[in-house]
PDB file of all heavy atoms in Angstrom:
ATOM      1  N   SER A   1      64.203  35.405  10.704  1.00  0.00           N
ATOM      2  CA  SER A   1      63.157  34.389  10.543  1.00  0.00           C
ATOM      3  C   SER A   1      63.752  32.993  10.617  1.00  0.00           C
ATOM      4  O   SER A   1      64.930  32.770  10.264  1.00  0.00           O
ATOM      5  CB  SER A   1      62.438  34.536   9.188  1.00  0.00           C
ATOM      6  OG  SER A   1      61.827  35.787   9.062  1.00  0.00           O
ATOM      7  N   ASN A   2      62.944  32.064  11.097  1.00  0.00           N
ATOM      8  CA  ASN A   2      63.280  30.651  10.977  1.00  0.00           C
ATOM      9  C   ASN A   2      62.960  30.214   9.555  1.00  0.00           C
ATOM     10  O   ASN A   2      61.885  30.504   9.030  1.00  0.00           O
ATOM     11  CB  ASN A   2      62.452  29.815  11.954  1.00  0.00           C
ATOM     12  CG  ASN A   2      62.803  30.103  13.400  1.00  0.00           C
ATOM     13  OD1 ASN A   2      63.878  29.774  13.862  1.00  0.00           O
ATOM     14  ND2 ASN A   2      61.866  30.727  14.127  1.00  0.00           N
ATOM     15  N   SER A   3      63.899  29.525   8.924  1.00  0.00           N
ATOM     16  CA  SER A   3      63.703  29.090   7.541  1.00  0.00           C
ATOM     17  C   SER A   3      63.951  27.593   7.435  1.00  0.00           C
ATOM     18  O   SER A   3      64.838  27.045   8.120  1.00  0.00           O
ATOM     19  CB  SER A   3      64.648  29.849   6.606  1.00  0.00           C
ATOM     20  OG  SER A   3      64.514  29.397   5.276  1.00  0.00           O
ATOM     21  N   MET A   4      63.177  26.937   6.569  1.00  0.00           N
ATOM     22  CA  MET A   4      63.334  25.496   6.396  1.00  0.00           C
ATOM     23  C   MET A   4      63.046  25.121   4.949  1.00  0.00           C
ATOM     24  O   MET A   4      62.048  25.557   4.369  1.00  0.00           O
ATOM     25  CB  MET A   4      62.373  24.750   7.327  1.00  0.00           C
ATOM     26  CG  MET A   4      62.378  23.237   7.154  1.00  0.00           C
ATOM     27  SD  MET A   4      61.080  22.438   8.132  1.00  0.00           S
ATOM     28  CE  MET A   4      61.648  22.796   9.789  1.00  0.00           C
ATOM     29  N   GLN A   5      63.923  24.316   4.367  1.00  0.00           N
ATOM     30  CA  GLN A   5      63.661  23.698   3.065  1.00  0.00           C
ATOM     31  C   GLN A   5      63.246  22.260   3.320  1.00  0.00           C
ATOM     32  O   GLN A   5      63.944  21.532   4.029  1.00  0.00           O
ATOM     33  CB  GLN A   5      64.901  23.743   2.170  1.00  0.00           C
ATOM     34  CG  GLN A   5      65.065  25.026   1.388  1.00  0.00           C
ATOM     35  CD  GLN A   5      65.991  24.838   0.202  1.00  0.00           C
ATOM     36  OE1 GLN A   5      66.933  24.060   0.260  1.00  0.00           O
ATOM     37  NE2 GLN A   5      65.728  25.559  -0.871  1.00  0.00           N
ATOM     38  N   TYR A   6      62.150  21.810   2.698  1.00  0.00           N
ATOM     39  CA  TYR A   6      61.611  20.501   3.052  1.00  0.00           C
ATOM     40  C   TYR A   6      60.755  19.931   1.932  1.00  0.00           C
ATOM     41  O   TYR A   6      60.306  20.652   1.019  1.00  0.00           O
ATOM     42  CB  TYR A   6      60.760  20.619   4.323  1.00  0.00           C
ATOM     43  CG  TYR A   6      59.471  21.401   4.124  1.00  0.00           C
ATOM     44  CD1 TYR A   6      58.254  20.736   3.950  1.00  0.00           C
ATOM     45  CD2 TYR A   6      59.473  22.793   4.092  1.00  0.00           C
ATOM     46  CE1 TYR A   6      57.078  21.442   3.756  1.00  0.00           C
ATOM     47  CE2 TYR A   6      58.304  23.503   3.902  1.00  0.00           C
ATOM     48  CZ  TYR A   6      57.111  22.827   3.738  1.00  0.00           C
ATOM     49  OH  TYR A   6      55.957  23.538   3.537  1.00  0.00           O
ATOM     50  N   GLN A   7      60.536  18.630   2.001  1.00  0.00           N
ATOM     51  CA  GLN A   7      59.546  17.949   1.176  1.00  0.00           C
ATOM     52  C   GLN A   7      58.388  17.563   2.096  1.00  0.00           C
ATOM     53  O   GLN A   7      58.594  16.861   3.087  1.00  0.00           O
ATOM     54  CB  GLN A   7      60.140  16.686   0.534  1.00  0.00           C
ATOM     55  CG  GLN A   7      61.262  16.924  -0.452  1.00  0.00           C
ATOM     56  CD  GLN A   7      60.771  17.488  -1.783  1.00  0.00           C
ATOM     57  OE1 GLN A   7      59.572  17.671  -1.987  1.00  0.00           O
ATOM     58  NE2 GLN A   7      61.704  17.763  -2.670  1.00  0.00           N
ATOM     59  N   PRO A   8      57.176  18.005   1.813  1.00  0.00           N
ATOM     60  CA  PRO A   8      56.050  17.667   2.695  1.00  0.00           C
ATOM     61  C   PRO A   8      55.713  16.181   2.605  1.00  0.00           C
ATOM     62  O   PRO A   8      55.911  15.538   1.573  1.00  0.00           O
ATOM     63  CB  PRO A   8      54.913  18.537   2.151  1.00  0.00           C
ATOM     64  CG  PRO A   8      55.272  18.771   0.720  1.00  0.00           C
ATOM     65  CD  PRO A   8      56.772  18.831   0.676  1.00  0.00           C
ATOM     66  N   VAL A   9      55.171  15.653   3.668  1.00  0.00           N
ATOM     67  CA  VAL A   9      54.827  14.236   3.707  1.00  0.00           C
ATOM     68  C   VAL A   9      53.745  13.907   2.687  1.00  0.00           C
ATOM     69  O   VAL A   9      53.609  12.747   2.266  1.00  0.00           O
ATOM     70  CB  VAL A   9      54.385  13.844   5.132  1.00  0.00           C
ATOM     71  CG1 VAL A   9      53.035  14.464   5.478  1.00  0.00           C
ATOM     72  CG2 VAL A   9      54.335  12.334   5.296  1.00  0.00           C
ATOM     73  N   SER A  10      52.997  14.898   2.254  1.00  0.00           N
ATOM     74  CA  SER A  10      51.953  14.665   1.248  1.00  0.00           C
ATOM     75  C   SER A  10      52.523  14.223  -0.092  1.00  0.00           C
ATOM     76  O   SER A  10      51.782  13.727  -0.952  1.00  0.00           O
ATOM     77  CB  SER A  10      51.118  15.936   1.053  1.00  0.00           C
ATOM     78  OG  SER A  10      51.937  17.012   0.633  1.00  0.00           O
ATOM     79  N   ARG A  11      53.813  14.379  -0.282  1.00  0.00           N
ATOM     80  CA  ARG A  11      54.446  13.970  -1.543  1.00  0.00           C
ATOM     81  C   ARG A  11      54.956  12.528  -1.499  1.00  0.00           C
ATOM     82  O   ARG A  11      55.625  12.086  -2.429  1.00  0.00           O
ATOM     83  CB  ARG A  11      55.613  14.903  -1.871  1.00  0.00           C
ATOM     84  CG  ARG A  11      55.182  16.302  -2.280  1.00  0.00           C
ATOM     85  CD  ARG A  11      56.374  17.178  -2.642  1.00  0.00           C
ATOM     86  NE  ARG A  11      55.947  18.455  -3.183  1.00  0.00           N
ATOM     87  CZ  ARG A  11      56.778  19.418  -3.569  1.00  0.00           C
ATOM     88  NH1 ARG A  11      58.095  19.242  -3.451  1.00  0.00           N
ATOM     89  NH2 ARG A  11      56.306  20.542  -4.067  1.00  0.00           N
ATOM     90  N   PHE A  12      54.631  11.816  -0.434  1.00  0.00           N
ATOM     91  CA  PHE A  12      55.136  10.449  -0.281  1.00  0.00           C
ATOM     92  C   PHE A  12      54.811   9.585  -1.498  1.00  0.00           C
ATOM     93  O   PHE A  12      55.687   8.915  -2.053  1.00  0.00           O
ATOM     94  CB  PHE A  12      54.546   9.824   0.988  1.00  0.00           C
ATOM     95  CG  PHE A  12      54.843   8.360   1.142  1.00  0.00           C
ATOM     96  CD1 PHE A  12      56.093   7.932   1.576  1.00  0.00           C
ATOM     97  CD2 PHE A  12      53.876   7.398   0.846  1.00  0.00           C
ATOM     98  CE1 PHE A  12      56.374   6.579   1.723  1.00  0.00           C
ATOM     99  CE2 PHE A  12      54.150   6.045   0.994  1.00  0.00           C
ATOM    100  CZ  PHE A  12      55.396   5.636   1.428  1.00  0.00           C
ATOM    101  N   TRP A  13      53.545   9.592  -1.941  1.00  0.00           N
ATOM    102  CA  TRP A  13      53.159   8.715  -3.041  1.00  0.00           C
ATOM    103  C   TRP A  13      53.742   9.182  -4.369  1.00  0.00           C
ATOM    104  O   TRP A  13      54.004   8.358  -5.255  1.00  0.00           O
ATOM    105  CB  TRP A  13      51.641   8.601  -3.114  1.00  0.00           C
ATOM    106  CG  TRP A  13      51.108   7.743  -2.012  1.00  0.00           C
ATOM    107  CD1 TRP A  13      50.364   8.140  -0.928  1.00  0.00           C
ATOM    108  CD2 TRP A  13      51.304   6.333  -1.851  1.00  0.00           C
ATOM    109  NE1 TRP A  13      50.092   7.071  -0.111  1.00  0.00           N
ATOM    110  CE2 TRP A  13      50.648   5.948  -0.651  1.00  0.00           C
ATOM    111  CE3 TRP A  13      51.967   5.363  -2.596  1.00  0.00           C
ATOM    112  CZ2 TRP A  13      50.636   4.630  -0.193  1.00  0.00           C
ATOM    113  CZ3 TRP A  13      51.967   4.052  -2.143  1.00  0.00           C
ATOM    114  CH2 TRP A  13      51.299   3.691  -0.959  1.00  0.00           C
ATOM    115  N   GLU A  14      53.951  10.474  -4.537  1.00  0.00           N
ATOM    116  CA  GLU A  14      54.623  10.944  -5.747  1.00  0.00           C
ATOM    117  C   GLU A  14      56.061  10.428  -5.789  1.00  0.00           C
ATOM    118  O   GLU A  14      56.530   9.942  -6.833  1.00  0.00           O
ATOM    119  CB  GLU A  14      54.614  12.471  -5.795  1.00  0.00           C
ATOM    120  CG  GLU A  14      53.243  13.089  -6.016  1.00  0.00           C
ATOM    121  CD  GLU A  14      53.305  14.603  -6.025  1.00  0.00           C
ATOM    122  OE1 GLU A  14      53.671  15.172  -7.062  1.00  0.00           O
ATOM    123  OE2 GLU A  14      53.000  15.215  -4.968  1.00  0.00           O
ATOM    124  N   PHE A  15      56.760  10.513  -4.674  1.00  0.00           N
ATOM    125  CA  PHE A  15      58.121  10.000  -4.610  1.00  0.00           C
ATOM    126  C   PHE A  15      58.144   8.489  -4.819  1.00  0.00           C
ATOM    127  O   PHE A  15      59.022   7.957  -5.507  1.00  0.00           O
ATOM    128  CB  PHE A  15      58.756  10.364  -3.263  1.00  0.00           C
ATOM    129  CG  PHE A  15      59.436  11.699  -3.248  1.00  0.00           C
ATOM    130  CD1 PHE A  15      58.709  12.879  -3.351  1.00  0.00           C
ATOM    131  CD2 PHE A  15      60.802  11.787  -3.136  1.00  0.00           C
ATOM    132  CE1 PHE A  15      59.334  14.109  -3.344  1.00  0.00           C
ATOM    133  CE2 PHE A  15      61.455  13.019  -3.121  1.00  0.00           C
ATOM    134  CZ  PHE A  15      60.709  14.178  -3.230  1.00  0.00           C
ATOM    135  N   GLN A  16      57.172   7.797  -4.220  1.00  0.00           N
ATOM    136  CA  GLN A  16      57.092   6.346  -4.391  1.00  0.00           C
ATOM    137  C   GLN A  16      56.891   5.990  -5.867  1.00  0.00           C
ATOM    138  O   GLN A  16      57.526   5.066  -6.388  1.00  0.00           O
ATOM    139  CB  GLN A  16      55.939   5.790  -3.565  1.00  0.00           C
ATOM    140  CG  GLN A  16      56.225   5.715  -2.069  1.00  0.00           C
ATOM    141  CD  GLN A  16      56.862   4.404  -1.670  1.00  0.00           C
ATOM    142  OE1 GLN A  16      56.423   3.335  -2.043  1.00  0.00           O
ATOM    143  NE2 GLN A  16      57.922   4.484  -0.883  1.00  0.00           N
ATOM    144  N   GLY A  17      55.985   6.699  -6.526  1.00  0.00           N
ATOM    145  CA  GLY A  17      55.731   6.417  -7.933  1.00  0.00           C
ATOM    146  C   GLY A  17      56.947   6.660  -8.810  1.00  0.00           C
ATOM    147  O   GLY A  17      57.248   5.859  -9.703  1.00  0.00           O
ATOM    148  N   ILE A  18      57.651   7.759  -8.558  1.00  0.00           N
ATOM    149  CA  ILE A  18      58.838   8.074  -9.354  1.00  0.00           C
ATOM    150  C   ILE A  18      59.918   7.014  -9.156  1.00  0.00           C
ATOM    151  O   ILE A  18      60.488   6.493 -10.126  1.00  0.00           O
ATOM    152  CB  ILE A  18      59.383   9.467  -8.974  1.00  0.00           C
ATOM    153  CG1 ILE A  18      58.385  10.558  -9.386  1.00  0.00           C
ATOM    154  CG2 ILE A  18      60.740   9.717  -9.624  1.00  0.00           C
ATOM    155  CD1 ILE A  18      58.715  11.927  -8.833  1.00  0.00           C
ATOM    156  N   GLU A  19      60.188   6.664  -7.899  1.00  0.00           N
ATOM    157  CA  GLU A  19      61.265   5.701  -7.639  1.00  0.00           C
ATOM    158  C   GLU A  19      60.900   4.306  -8.131  1.00  0.00           C
ATOM    159  O   GLU A  19      61.740   3.596  -8.690  1.00  0.00           O
ATOM    160  CB  GLU A  19      61.603   5.672  -6.148  1.00  0.00           C
ATOM    161  CG  GLU A  19      62.794   4.792  -5.824  1.00  0.00           C
ATOM    162  CD  GLU A  19      63.656   5.364  -4.712  1.00  0.00           C
ATOM    163  OE1 GLU A  19      63.874   6.589  -4.678  1.00  0.00           O
ATOM    164  OE2 GLU A  19      64.116   4.576  -3.885  1.00  0.00           O
ATOM    165  N   THR A  20      59.659   3.905  -7.941  1.00  0.00           N
ATOM    166  CA  THR A  20      59.229   2.599  -8.438  1.00  0.00           C
ATOM    167  C   THR A  20      59.343   2.551  -9.956  1.00  0.00           C
ATOM    168  O   THR A  20      59.779   1.540 -10.534  1.00  0.00           O
ATOM    169  CB  THR A  20      57.789   2.300  -8.007  1.00  0.00           C
ATOM    170  OG1 THR A  20      57.698   2.378  -6.582  1.00  0.00           O
ATOM    171  CG2 THR A  20      57.355   0.919  -8.458  1.00  0.00           C
ATOM    172  N   GLY A  21      58.961   3.637 -10.624  1.00  0.00           N
ATOM    173  CA  GLY A  21      59.092   3.699 -12.079  1.00  0.00           C
ATOM    174  C   GLY A  21      60.527   3.544 -12.534  1.00  0.00           C
ATOM    175  O   GLY A  21      60.810   2.866 -13.544  1.00  0.00           O
ATOM    176  N   ILE A  22      61.468   4.152 -11.808  1.00  0.00           N
ATOM    177  CA  ILE A  22      62.884   4.026 -12.154  1.00  0.00           C
ATOM    178  C   ILE A  22      63.323   2.571 -12.075  1.00  0.00           C
ATOM    179  O   ILE A  22      63.974   2.036 -12.987  1.00  0.00           O
ATOM    180  CB  ILE A  22      63.741   4.905 -11.225  1.00  0.00           C
ATOM    181  CG1 ILE A  22      63.501   6.383 -11.509  1.00  0.00           C
ATOM    182  CG2 ILE A  22      65.228   4.571 -11.378  1.00  0.00           C
ATOM    183  CD1 ILE A  22      64.164   7.316 -10.522  1.00  0.00           C
ATOM    184  N   PHE A  23      62.951   1.892 -10.998  1.00  0.00           N
ATOM    185  CA  PHE A  23      63.392   0.511 -10.817  1.00  0.00           C
ATOM    186  C   PHE A  23      62.672  -0.445 -11.780  1.00  0.00           C
ATOM    187  O   PHE A  23      63.262  -1.446 -12.203  1.00  0.00           O
ATOM    188  CB  PHE A  23      63.220   0.077  -9.365  1.00  0.00           C
ATOM    189  CG  PHE A  23      64.346   0.534  -8.487  1.00  0.00           C
ATOM    190  CD1 PHE A  23      64.269   1.728  -7.788  1.00  0.00           C
ATOM    191  CD2 PHE A  23      65.513  -0.213  -8.389  1.00  0.00           C
ATOM    192  CE1 PHE A  23      65.319   2.159  -7.003  1.00  0.00           C
ATOM    193  CE2 PHE A  23      66.567   0.209  -7.603  1.00  0.00           C
ATOM    194  CZ  PHE A  23      66.476   1.399  -6.906  1.00  0.00           C
ATOM    195  N   LEU A  24      61.443  -0.151 -12.130  1.00  0.00           N
ATOM    196  CA  LEU A  24      60.761  -0.980 -13.128  1.00  0.00           C
ATOM    197  C   LEU A  24      61.404  -0.803 -14.501  1.00  0.00           C
ATOM    198  O   LEU A  24      61.521  -1.775 -15.271  1.00  0.00           O
ATOM    199  CB  LEU A  24      59.274  -0.624 -13.184  1.00  0.00           C
ATOM    200  CG  LEU A  24      58.448  -1.033 -11.964  1.00  0.00           C
ATOM    201  CD1 LEU A  24      56.989  -0.615 -12.153  1.00  0.00           C
ATOM    202  CD2 LEU A  24      58.542  -2.532 -11.703  1.00  0.00           C
ATOM    203  N   ALA A  25      61.826   0.430 -14.813  1.00  0.00           N
ATOM    204  CA  ALA A  25      62.526   0.658 -16.083  1.00  0.00           C
ATOM    205  C   ALA A  25      63.858  -0.096 -16.114  1.00  0.00           C
ATOM    206  O   ALA A  25      64.207  -0.720 -17.125  1.00  0.00           O
ATOM    207  CB  ALA A  25      62.756   2.160 -16.291  1.00  0.00           C
ATOM    208  N   LEU A  26      64.592  -0.054 -15.003  1.00  0.00           N
ATOM    209  CA  LEU A  26      65.848  -0.807 -14.925  1.00  0.00           C
ATOM    210  C   LEU A  26      65.589  -2.309 -15.040  1.00  0.00           C
ATOM    211  O   LEU A  26      66.366  -3.039 -15.670  1.00  0.00           O
ATOM    212  CB  LEU A  26      66.557  -0.498 -13.605  1.00  0.00           C
ATOM    213  CG  LEU A  26      67.111   0.917 -13.443  1.00  0.00           C
ATOM    214  CD1 LEU A  26      67.656   1.117 -12.028  1.00  0.00           C
ATOM    215  CD2 LEU A  26      68.210   1.188 -14.465  1.00  0.00           C
ATOM    216  N   THR A  27      64.487  -2.774 -14.463  1.00  0.00           N
ATOM    217  CA  THR A  27      64.117  -4.190 -14.555  1.00  0.00           C
ATOM    218  C   THR A  27      63.888  -4.589 -16.007  1.00  0.00           C
ATOM    219  O   THR A  27      64.385  -5.632 -16.471  1.00  0.00           O
ATOM    220  CB  THR A  27      62.842  -4.456 -13.732  1.00  0.00           C
ATOM    221  OG1 THR A  27      63.104  -4.169 -12.361  1.00  0.00           O
ATOM    222  CG2 THR A  27      62.388  -5.903 -13.866  1.00  0.00           C
ATOM    223  N   ALA A  28      63.127  -3.784 -16.733  1.00  0.00           N
ATOM    224  CA  ALA A  28      62.839  -4.085 -18.135  1.00  0.00           C
ATOM    225  C   ALA A  28      64.123  -4.115 -18.970  1.00  0.00           C
ATOM    226  O   ALA A  28      64.302  -4.999 -19.821  1.00  0.00           O
ATOM    227  CB  ALA A  28      61.859  -3.059 -18.700  1.00  0.00           C
ATOM    228  N   ILE A  29      65.023  -3.169 -18.727  1.00  0.00           N
ATOM    229  CA  ILE A  29      66.283  -3.130 -19.474  1.00  0.00           C
ATOM    230  C   ILE A  29      67.126  -4.377 -19.200  1.00  0.00           C
ATOM    231  O   ILE A  29      67.673  -5.004 -20.115  1.00  0.00           O
ATOM    232  CB  ILE A  29      67.070  -1.852 -19.113  1.00  0.00           C
ATOM    233  CG1 ILE A  29      66.339  -0.615 -19.623  1.00  0.00           C
ATOM    234  CG2 ILE A  29      68.485  -1.903 -19.670  1.00  0.00           C
ATOM    235  CD1 ILE A  29      66.899   0.688 -19.113  1.00  0.00           C
ATOM    236  N   LEU A  30      67.224  -4.762 -17.926  1.00  0.00           N
ATOM    237  CA  LEU A  30      68.030  -5.931 -17.562  1.00  0.00           C
ATOM    238  C   LEU A  30      67.463  -7.216 -18.153  1.00  0.00           C
ATOM    239  O   LEU A  30      68.210  -8.082 -18.623  1.00  0.00           O
ATOM    240  CB  LEU A  30      68.117  -6.043 -16.040  1.00  0.00           C
ATOM    241  CG  LEU A  30      68.994  -5.014 -15.336  1.00  0.00           C
ATOM    242  CD1 LEU A  30      68.797  -5.074 -13.833  1.00  0.00           C
ATOM    243  CD2 LEU A  30      70.468  -5.231 -15.671  1.00  0.00           C
ATOM    244  N   LEU A  31      66.142  -7.358 -18.157  1.00  0.00           N
ATOM    245  CA  LEU A  31      65.537  -8.559 -18.733  1.00  0.00           C
ATOM    246  C   LEU A  31      65.731  -8.604 -20.239  1.00  0.00           C
ATOM    247  O   LEU A  31      65.966  -9.679 -20.821  1.00  0.00           O
ATOM    248  CB  LEU A  31      64.054  -8.619 -18.377  1.00  0.00           C
ATOM    249  CG  LEU A  31      63.735  -8.872 -16.897  1.00  0.00           C
ATOM    250  CD1 LEU A  31      62.234  -8.890 -16.664  1.00  0.00           C
ATOM    251  CD2 LEU A  31      64.357 -10.180 -16.417  1.00  0.00           C
ATOM    252  N   TYR A  32      65.644  -7.460 -20.877  1.00  0.00           N
ATOM    253  CA  TYR A  32      65.895  -7.403 -22.319  1.00  0.00           C
ATOM    254  C   TYR A  32      67.329  -7.822 -22.634  1.00  0.00           C
ATOM    255  O   TYR A  32      67.578  -8.636 -23.552  1.00  0.00           O
ATOM    256  CB  TYR A  32      65.625  -5.990 -22.833  1.00  0.00           C
ATOM    257  CG  TYR A  32      66.085  -5.754 -24.259  1.00  0.00           C
ATOM    258  CD1 TYR A  32      65.366  -6.267 -25.327  1.00  0.00           C
ATOM    259  CD2 TYR A  32      67.242  -5.027 -24.523  1.00  0.00           C
ATOM    260  CE1 TYR A  32      65.795  -6.056 -26.637  1.00  0.00           C
ATOM    261  CE2 TYR A  32      67.671  -4.806 -25.815  1.00  0.00           C
ATOM    262  CZ  TYR A  32      66.945  -5.329 -26.869  1.00  0.00           C
ATOM    263  OH  TYR A  32      67.376  -5.123 -28.158  1.00  0.00           O
ATOM    264  N   LEU A  33      68.267  -7.293 -21.860  1.00  0.00           N
ATOM    265  CA  LEU A  33      69.675  -7.658 -22.063  1.00  0.00           C
ATOM    266  C   LEU A  33      69.917  -9.136 -21.755  1.00  0.00           C
ATOM    267  O   LEU A  33      70.718  -9.802 -22.419  1.00  0.00           O
ATOM    268  CB  LEU A  33      70.570  -6.781 -21.188  1.00  0.00           C
ATOM    269  CG  LEU A  33      70.583  -5.283 -21.530  1.00  0.00           C
ATOM    270  CD1 LEU A  33      71.412  -4.516 -20.494  1.00  0.00           C
ATOM    271  CD2 LEU A  33      71.134  -5.054 -22.932  1.00  0.00           C
ATOM    272  N   ALA A  34      69.213  -9.653 -20.735  1.00  0.00           N
ATOM    273  CA  ALA A  34      69.373 -11.064 -20.382  1.00  0.00           C
ATOM    274  C   ALA A  34      68.894 -11.968 -21.515  1.00  0.00           C
ATOM    275  O   ALA A  34      69.544 -12.978 -21.838  1.00  0.00           O
ATOM    276  CB  ALA A  34      68.594 -11.372 -19.097  1.00  0.00           C
TER     277      ALA A  34
END
């Protein structure tokens, strides 16, 4: 069989939300330290 491991394009906004949340959390930490 042909086999493929993949992330479907339908998960684009889920990935965007997770990554944006990470960078917003880092932003809050840096401003607090500043």
